[in-house]
Amino acid sequence: MHLAVLLLLLSTPAPGEDARFPKGLGPTALGTPPSGFAWRTEDCIRCHPAQGEAWRHSGHAQARSSFVFQAALAVESPQWCVRCHAPLARDTRHGVPAEGGADERGVGCPACHATEGSVLGMAGGVGPHGSVRAELRSGAFCANCHQFGFPLREHGELVGLTTDGAPQQDTFEEWREWTRRSDDGRSCADCHMSRGDHAFGGVRRLESLREALEITVEPTALAVRNRGAGHSLPTGDVMRALTLEVAEDVLFEAPVTLARFERTLALDTQAKPMRQRVARDTALAAGELRRFPLPPGRFRYWRLVYHRVSLAQEEAGVLPPDVSAQVVAAGSLVSTGGVKR
């Protein structure tokens, strides 16, 4: 085995313990770049234009600058959040600095590919800078950013993250539970980076949600199944939700909500220090099927709506309605027995 690879494997800690992925508790430590290079996304894109063009359309590229993230910052510590959403950012205050380039606006190339004196890649030794072979497509690698607890604060200062109870983001463990139950060997990248697609996909693509969810119109109920995602729906940020709604008119001027798929939070005042916790989890687990009886009335239409911000934020109008809530799928209740995706 190549010495550099051996050293990397021996020195790689468990997910969440890597100094390169401090989960917002400190600045990201990328190490010294290869001689003649700098850890700048713009520099990477010059030699990797196809990957760079795909990345520009990704959620990673806009992880800090997006409307949704900026809305969330109104109620959260900017430094903790920005350290993950823009790990190379020098300015971690509210807003997005006008100067600083792509790495101030989101998660750039070095966040995943940088390592001490080299570059992490799927094939080692390629390119003028050389590279160290690493399994970047594994779920454990994604967990470094997509699995973490709630913030713990003392006297207003962030001192750590919870390790007990349900995490704030639990996507990695949801995926691991799905692989155990389904015996399906696909990793995060098999769905989110098909053929090396650096646009990543995910919740920014409504067509992906449509493919993952199956809605069946039954004589007296609507059945919803998470048939295509290897994790819960919704997953990730706790403000996300899906609502299943019915209405008498096709414009949904007076919709009735049959179900909300989401995680709701509560403040645990008994804990020392106080922290947020998951009070209720109604997200649809991978492979799960649920049926919802139709209420009495002359309901003729159904729809499934994806919400990017919490109900409270939606009601407060922190985002335009067409940004905060989007229809994933819709159909008629008149003809029964049909499957809609």
Protein backbone atom coordinates (compact mmCIF):
# COMPACT_ATOMS: atom_id res chain seq x y z
CA MET A 1 0.00 0.00 0.00
CA HIS A 2 1.23 3.49 -0.85
CA LEU A 3 2.63 5.18 2.27
CA ALA A 4 0.52 8.34 1.83
CA VAL A 5 -2.67 6.28 1.60
CA LEU A 6 -1.71 4.19 4.62
CA LEU A 7 -1.01 7.30 6.71
CA LEU A 8 -4.34 8.79 5.64
CA LEU A 9 -6.28 5.67 6.64
CA LEU A 10 -4.51 5.36 9.96
CA SER A 11 -5.01 9.00 10.83
CA THR A 12 -8.65 9.33 9.74
CA PRO A 13 -10.84 9.70 12.86
CA ALA A 14 -14.48 8.70 13.15
CA PRO A 15 -17.07 10.93 11.43
CA GLY A 16 -17.34 14.27 13.25
CA GLU A 17 -13.94 14.03 14.97
CA ASP A 18 -11.86 15.27 12.03
CA ALA A 19 -10.35 18.75 12.50
CA ARG A 20 -11.27 19.37 8.87
CA PHE A 21 -14.93 18.93 9.82
CA PRO A 22 -15.37 20.59 13.25
CA LYS A 23 -19.17 20.91 12.80
CA GLY A 24 -19.05 24.65 13.39
CA LEU A 25 -17.21 24.42 16.71
CA GLY A 26 -14.06 25.93 15.23
CA PRO A 27 -12.50 27.00 11.95
CA THR A 28 -11.87 24.35 9.32
CA ALA A 29 -8.25 23.13 9.26
CA LEU A 30 -7.42 22.11 5.69
CA GLY A 31 -3.68 21.83 6.06
CA THR A 32 -0.97 23.21 3.79
CA PRO A 33 -1.83 23.09 0.06
CA PRO A 34 0.55 21.45 -2.44
CA SER A 35 3.48 23.60 -3.49
CA GLY A 36 2.40 26.25 -5.99
CA PHE A 37 -1.30 25.88 -5.22
CA ALA A 38 -3.83 27.59 -2.96
CA TRP A 39 -7.04 26.38 -1.35
CA ARG A 40 -9.37 28.44 -3.57
CA THR A 41 -12.38 27.09 -5.44
CA GLU A 42 -11.76 29.39 -8.40
CA ASP A 43 -8.29 27.87 -8.83
CA CYS A 44 -9.71 24.34 -8.81
CA ILE A 45 -12.31 25.18 -11.47
CA ARG A 46 -9.67 26.42 -13.92
CA CYS A 47 -8.42 22.86 -14.39
CA HIS A 48 -11.74 21.11 -13.67
CA PRO A 49 -14.28 23.21 -15.62
CA ALA A 50 -16.94 20.51 -16.05
CA GLN A 51 -17.07 19.76 -12.33
CA GLY A 52 -16.98 23.49 -11.60
CA GLU A 53 -19.91 24.24 -13.89
CA ALA A 54 -22.01 21.51 -12.27
CA TRP A 55 -21.01 22.71 -8.80
CA ARG A 56 -22.16 26.27 -9.59
CA HIS A 57 -25.72 24.94 -9.83
CA SER A 58 -25.50 23.00 -6.57
CA GLY A 59 -26.82 23.70 -3.11
CA HIS A 60 -23.23 23.54 -1.89
CA ALA A 61 -22.26 26.54 -4.03
CA GLN A 62 -25.08 28.60 -2.49
CA ALA A 63 -25.05 27.07 0.98
CA ARG A 64 -24.44 30.46 2.60
CA SER A 65 -25.93 32.86 0.07
CA SER A 66 -29.30 31.13 -0.41
CA PHE A 67 -32.50 32.84 0.75
CA VAL A 68 -33.35 29.87 2.98
CA PHE A 69 -30.06 29.93 4.87
CA GLN A 70 -30.12 33.68 5.31
CA ALA A 71 -33.66 33.39 6.72
CA ALA A 72 -32.47 30.75 9.21
CA LEU A 73 -29.68 33.04 10.40
CA ALA A 74 -32.31 35.41 11.79
CA VAL A 75 -32.81 33.00 14.70
CA GLU A 76 -29.42 31.28 14.96
CA SER A 77 -25.78 32.09 15.72
CA PRO A 78 -24.19 33.12 12.42
CA GLN A 79 -20.67 31.98 13.28
CA TRP A 80 -21.67 28.39 14.08
CA CYS A 81 -23.81 28.05 10.96
CA VAL A 82 -21.44 29.82 8.55
CA ARG A 83 -18.50 27.64 9.59
CA CYS A 84 -20.32 24.70 7.99
CA HIS A 85 -22.14 26.47 5.16
CA ALA A 86 -18.98 28.29 4.05
CA PRO A 87 -16.08 26.45 5.73
CA LEU A 88 -13.38 28.58 4.05
CA ALA A 89 -15.08 31.89 4.83
CA ARG A 90 -13.00 34.50 6.62
CA ASP A 91 -16.04 36.59 7.58
CA THR A 92 -18.62 34.62 9.59
CA ARG A 93 -21.01 37.45 10.39
CA HIS A 94 -24.57 37.91 9.05
CA GLY A 95 -24.92 38.47 5.33
CA VAL A 96 -22.51 37.53 2.56
CA PRO A 97 -19.36 39.65 2.02
CA ALA A 98 -19.12 41.31 -1.38
CA GLU A 99 -15.46 40.30 -1.59
CA GLY A 100 -13.94 36.87 -1.07
CA GLY A 101 -15.16 34.83 -4.01
CA ALA A 102 -16.95 31.51 -4.13
CA ASP A 103 -15.61 30.24 -0.82
CA GLU A 104 -17.40 33.03 1.06
CA ARG A 105 -20.72 32.07 -0.55
CA GLY A 106 -20.82 28.33 0.05
CA VAL A 107 -19.06 24.97 0.30
CA GLY A 108 -16.29 24.98 -2.30
CA CYS A 109 -13.97 22.34 -3.72
CA PRO A 110 -11.30 22.43 -0.95
CA ALA A 111 -13.90 21.65 1.72
CA CYS A 112 -14.10 18.07 0.42
CA HIS A 113 -10.85 17.63 -1.54
CA ALA A 114 -8.15 19.37 0.53
CA THR A 115 -5.74 17.46 2.73
CA GLU A 116 -2.27 18.15 4.12
CA GLY A 117 0.06 18.77 1.20
CA SER A 118 -2.16 17.07 -1.36
CA VAL A 119 -5.65 16.67 -2.79
CA LEU A 120 -8.15 13.93 -1.98
CA GLY A 121 -9.48 12.15 -5.06
CA MET A 122 -11.01 8.91 -6.25
CA ALA A 123 -7.76 8.00 -8.04
CA GLY A 124 -4.40 8.74 -6.44
CA GLY A 125 -1.44 10.43 -8.08
CA VAL A 126 -3.34 12.18 -10.90
CA GLY A 127 -2.73 15.82 -11.86
CA PRO A 128 0.09 18.34 -11.41
CA HIS A 129 -0.59 18.61 -7.69
CA GLY A 130 -0.78 14.85 -7.15
CA SER A 131 -3.59 13.35 -5.12
CA VAL A 132 -4.25 10.89 -2.34
CA ARG A 133 -6.86 8.25 -3.06
CA ALA A 134 -9.81 8.50 -0.67
CA GLU A 135 -13.34 7.13 -0.60
CA LEU A 136 -15.16 10.43 -1.10
CA ARG A 137 -18.37 8.67 -2.13
CA SER A 138 -18.93 6.95 1.20
CA GLY A 139 -21.77 7.78 3.57
CA ALA A 140 -19.25 8.24 6.39
CA PHE A 141 -17.55 11.04 4.47
CA CYS A 142 -20.86 12.85 3.96
CA ALA A 143 -21.67 12.37 7.66
CA ASN A 144 -18.87 14.76 8.54
CA CYS A 145 -21.22 17.61 7.60
CA HIS A 146 -24.67 16.02 7.55
CA GLN A 147 -24.86 14.38 11.00
CA PHE A 148 -24.63 16.51 14.15
CA GLY A 149 -26.30 17.39 17.43
CA PHE A 150 -27.91 20.51 18.84
CA PRO A 151 -25.74 23.41 20.02
CA LEU A 152 -24.88 23.64 23.72
CA ARG A 153 -24.28 27.14 25.07
CA GLU A 154 -23.07 28.46 28.39
CA HIS A 155 -23.41 32.18 29.11
CA GLY A 156 -24.33 32.67 25.47
CA GLU A 157 -21.16 30.98 24.17
CA LEU A 158 -21.17 27.82 22.04
CA VAL A 159 -19.37 25.09 24.01
CA GLY A 160 -20.29 21.92 22.12
CA LEU A 161 -22.98 19.82 20.49
CA THR A 162 -25.34 17.29 22.05
CA THR A 163 -24.40 13.64 21.74
CA ASP A 164 -27.49 12.23 23.51
CA GLY A 165 -31.01 12.05 22.13
CA ALA A 166 -32.07 12.66 18.55
CA PRO A 167 -29.50 14.74 16.61
CA GLN A 168 -30.33 18.01 14.90
CA GLN A 169 -29.45 16.40 11.57
CA ASP A 170 -29.71 12.61 11.42
CA THR A 171 -29.41 11.85 7.70
CA PHE A 172 -26.40 9.54 8.00
CA GLU A 173 -28.00 7.36 10.68
CA GLU A 174 -31.27 7.30 8.74
CA TRP A 175 -29.31 6.03 5.74
CA ARG A 176 -27.46 3.42 7.83
CA GLU A 177 -30.75 2.13 9.24
CA TRP A 178 -32.14 1.89 5.68
CA THR A 179 -29.10 -0.09 4.47
CA ARG A 180 -29.50 -2.52 7.40
CA ARG A 181 -33.20 -3.08 6.71
CA SER A 182 -33.06 -3.14 2.92
CA ASP A 183 -29.65 -4.77 2.37
CA ASP A 184 -29.17 -2.08 -0.29
CA GLY A 185 -25.52 -1.18 -0.74
CA ARG A 186 -25.99 2.22 -2.38
CA SER A 187 -24.23 5.16 -0.73
CA CYS A 188 -25.21 8.83 -0.60
CA ALA A 189 -23.18 9.55 -3.73
CA ASP A 190 -24.92 6.86 -5.77
CA CYS A 191 -28.07 9.00 -5.69
CA HIS A 192 -26.71 12.51 -5.10
CA MET A 193 -23.61 12.27 -7.32
CA SER A 194 -24.67 9.91 -10.07
CA ARG A 195 -21.84 9.66 -12.64
CA GLY A 196 -19.82 12.14 -10.58
CA ASP A 197 -22.39 14.93 -10.89
CA HIS A 198 -21.09 17.82 -8.75
CA ALA A 199 -24.52 19.51 -8.79
CA PHE A 200 -25.40 16.93 -6.07
CA GLY A 201 -29.18 17.12 -6.45
CA GLY A 202 -31.20 16.72 -3.27
CA VAL A 203 -34.02 19.01 -2.15
CA ARG A 204 -33.20 21.63 -4.77
CA ARG A 205 -34.59 19.22 -7.36
CA LEU A 206 -38.32 18.75 -7.03
CA GLU A 207 -38.21 15.99 -9.64
CA SER A 208 -36.08 13.94 -7.24
CA LEU A 209 -38.74 14.28 -4.54
CA ARG A 210 -41.43 13.30 -7.04
CA GLU A 211 -39.50 10.17 -7.95
CA ALA A 212 -38.91 9.27 -4.31
CA LEU A 213 -42.54 9.62 -3.18
CA GLU A 214 -45.51 7.53 -4.28
CA ILE A 215 -49.07 8.70 -3.63
CA THR A 216 -51.93 6.24 -4.15
CA VAL A 217 -55.55 7.41 -4.32
CA GLU A 218 -57.75 4.86 -2.54
CA PRO A 219 -61.56 4.92 -2.19
CA THR A 220 -61.46 6.41 1.33
CA ALA A 221 -57.83 7.35 1.89
CA LEU A 222 -54.59 8.68 0.47
CA ALA A 223 -51.54 6.45 0.84
CA VAL A 224 -48.04 7.96 0.82
CA ARG A 225 -44.87 5.88 0.51
CA ASN A 226 -41.21 6.87 0.63
CA ARG A 227 -40.16 4.42 -2.03
CA GLY A 228 -37.02 6.01 -3.45
CA ALA A 229 -34.98 7.80 -0.79
CA GLY A 230 -32.46 6.03 1.41
CA HIS A 231 -33.32 8.34 4.32
CA SER A 232 -36.38 10.00 5.83
CA LEU A 233 -38.41 12.59 3.94
CA PRO A 234 -37.86 15.32 4.75
CA THR A 235 -34.36 14.97 6.16
CA GLY A 236 -31.58 17.36 7.12
CA ASP A 237 -32.58 20.81 8.31
CA VAL A 238 -35.27 20.66 10.98
CA MET A 239 -37.32 23.47 9.45
CA ARG A 240 -38.16 21.39 6.36
CA ALA A 241 -41.61 19.81 6.06
CA LEU A 242 -43.95 18.08 3.63
CA THR A 243 -47.71 18.60 3.86
CA LEU A 244 -50.41 16.41 2.33
CA GLU A 245 -53.43 18.58 1.56
CA VAL A 246 -56.92 18.19 0.03
CA ALA A 247 -59.32 20.80 -1.30
CA GLU A 248 -62.69 21.18 -2.98
CA ASP A 249 -61.33 23.49 -5.67
CA VAL A 250 -58.34 23.05 -7.96
CA LEU A 251 -56.84 26.38 -6.81
CA PHE A 252 -56.66 25.17 -3.18
CA GLU A 253 -58.16 28.38 -1.84
CA ALA A 254 -59.28 26.57 1.33
CA PRO A 255 -56.99 23.53 1.71
CA VAL A 256 -57.27 21.01 4.53
CA THR A 257 -54.03 19.45 5.75
CA LEU A 258 -54.25 15.69 6.19
CA ALA A 259 -50.68 15.21 7.39
CA ARG A 260 -47.43 17.01 8.09
CA PHE A 261 -44.16 15.13 7.65
CA GLU A 262 -41.60 16.96 9.77
CA ARG A 263 -39.61 17.14 12.98
CA THR A 264 -40.78 19.68 15.56
CA LEU A 265 -38.53 21.08 18.27
CA ALA A 266 -38.91 22.07 21.90
CA LEU A 267 -36.61 23.73 24.40
CA ASP A 268 -35.45 21.29 27.08
CA THR A 269 -35.43 23.58 30.12
CA GLN A 270 -34.52 20.73 32.50
CA ALA A 271 -31.20 20.04 30.80
CA LYS A 272 -28.04 21.79 31.98
CA PRO A 273 -27.26 23.71 29.91
CA MET A 274 -30.63 24.14 28.24
CA ARG A 275 -30.79 22.89 24.67
CA GLN A 276 -33.19 22.20 21.85
CA ARG A 277 -34.51 18.68 21.34
CA VAL A 278 -36.73 16.85 18.88
CA ALA A 279 -40.20 16.84 20.44
CA ARG A 280 -42.02 15.04 17.62
CA ASP A 281 -40.86 13.23 14.50
CA THR A 282 -43.41 12.53 11.77
CA ALA A 283 -40.96 12.36 8.85
CA LEU A 284 -41.57 9.49 6.45
CA ALA A 285 -38.83 6.89 6.96
CA ALA A 286 -37.17 5.20 3.98
CA GLY A 287 -39.54 2.56 2.58
CA GLU A 288 -42.37 3.56 4.95
CA LEU A 289 -46.03 3.56 3.82
CA ARG A 290 -48.78 5.49 5.62
CA ARG A 291 -52.49 5.85 4.90
CA PHE A 292 -54.56 8.91 5.74
CA PRO A 293 -58.38 8.70 5.79
CA LEU A 294 -60.13 11.31 3.67
CA PRO A 295 -62.20 13.71 5.82
CA PRO A 296 -65.93 14.09 5.21
CA GLY A 297 -66.75 16.71 2.61
CA ARG A 298 -66.69 17.30 -1.11
CA PHE A 299 -62.94 17.16 -1.57
CA ARG A 300 -61.89 16.61 -5.17
CA TYR A 301 -58.16 17.36 -5.29
CA TRP A 302 -54.98 16.51 -3.40
CA ARG A 303 -51.45 17.91 -3.40
CA LEU A 304 -48.13 17.33 -1.66
CA VAL A 305 -46.25 20.52 -0.76
CA TYR A 306 -42.58 20.86 0.19
CA HIS A 307 -41.76 23.60 2.72
CA ARG A 308 -38.21 24.95 2.90
CA VAL A 309 -38.70 26.92 6.13
CA SER A 310 -40.62 26.31 9.34
CA LEU A 311 -44.35 26.99 9.65
CA ALA A 312 -43.64 29.98 11.92
CA GLN A 313 -41.17 31.43 9.42
CA GLU A 314 -43.62 30.81 6.59
CA GLU A 315 -46.41 32.62 8.43
CA ALA A 316 -44.02 35.49 9.19
CA GLY A 317 -43.27 35.82 5.49
CA VAL A 318 -39.49 35.47 5.77
CA LEU A 319 -39.46 34.12 2.20
CA PRO A 320 -41.73 34.71 -0.79
CA PRO A 321 -44.53 32.07 -0.85
CA ASP A 322 -43.31 30.55 -4.13
CA VAL A 323 -39.87 30.04 -2.58
CA SER A 324 -40.86 28.79 0.87
CA ALA A 325 -43.53 26.31 -0.33
CA GLN A 326 -43.60 24.43 -3.63
CA VAL A 327 -45.99 21.76 -4.91
CA VAL A 328 -44.20 18.45 -5.39
CA ALA A 329 -47.15 16.49 -6.81
CA ALA A 330 -50.91 16.92 -7.23
CA GLY A 331 -53.91 15.07 -8.58
CA SER A 332 -57.61 14.33 -8.51
CA LEU A 333 -59.53 12.34 -5.89
CA VAL A 334 -62.34 11.56 -8.31
CA SER A 335 -60.80 8.49 -9.95
CA THR A 336 -59.69 6.04 -7.27
CA GLY A 337 -57.03 3.38 -7.29
CA GLY A 338 -54.46 5.33 -9.24
CA VAL A 339 -50.81 5.73 -8.32
CA LYS A 340 -49.40 9.24 -8.64
CA ARG A 341 -45.77 10.22 -8.45
